[in-house]
């Protein structure tokens, strides 16, 4: 595998055409000056020791030295070998409810945003664990397959919003089912965390949690919302226009369904935690998950990149020396160097 450690220096190569243009302008200027001195043939006979070919070669070697120097600064590297690295960690799938009720503001700034903030902080603390993301409302979708790429996980997390799942509802069972399908390898150390308010629950999530537990996958639930509930904001062009109302014109209040979330957690050999305005409960759940048996898995990576800048440093010195040795004017000192037989 080949790479440059500091590729930013390669941007300076873009300046080379400008140097070539300046050199051409300089040669044109010298020619015009010579023409002003008198007859061209007479001037050439007076400047018999000046070799145009030497002038061009000197500039070429200077440019080559500059290119070599920039390549040396960029530090080309070669991956010496492909390593198998063994890691131990937990396989974790986080299923986040993105239904409109998650926009309720009984937990500040709102239920969904608090969930995203908590998951983001959790990702920052992960080391060898693998993580996957699922979003669900009336249907469930895989947002990110299980990975150790935490940057990708945070990027995908930032895109989570209710518009991702246009079908409203709370398909927790489908999310758990999809979470189970995300685990491709055998062994323990697997967990699903469901973050939801549990409202408008539609499918048999309890039986799905039992199915997951029978396969060695623990299911944990985090309830987003307070006991009193809150109205559901409605937005148009990113501006809040009011609150959702039922057909009778009454404001709809979304309330946390704690009994159902507790049943799911018990069936999945996990625990249930209710979020609040001070904490979202994810840390406590992760501490429980940390007690599970860890998986051992292999990952491949290029290791021990070997630097190659020294070769380009050597080329830079060679080209600079050649540029120095080749003078525009023939001299007794330069004539001792028979490297080039130029007129």
Foldseek 3Di string as FASTA:
>chain_A
DKDFQACVLVVCVVCVVVVVVVVVVVVVVVVVVLVVVDDNVVSCVVQVQFDPVLVVLLVVLLSLLVVLLSSLVSWMWDQPDKDKDKDKAAEEEEEEEQALLQQFPQAPPGNLVQVLVQVLVVLVPDDRYWYWYWYDFPAIDTQGQTDNPSVVVNVSSVPDHNVVDPDHAHALLNNLVVQLVSDDDADARAEYEYEELCPRHDDDLLVSLLVCQVRRYAYEYEHGADAVFGFRFDDDPNHTDGTDADPVRHTDGDGRPVVVNQSSNVSNVAGYHYQHNVGRCPVVRVVVSVPMGIDMDIDIDRDDIDTDSVVSNVSSVVSNVSSVLSDSGDDPVSVVDVPDDGD
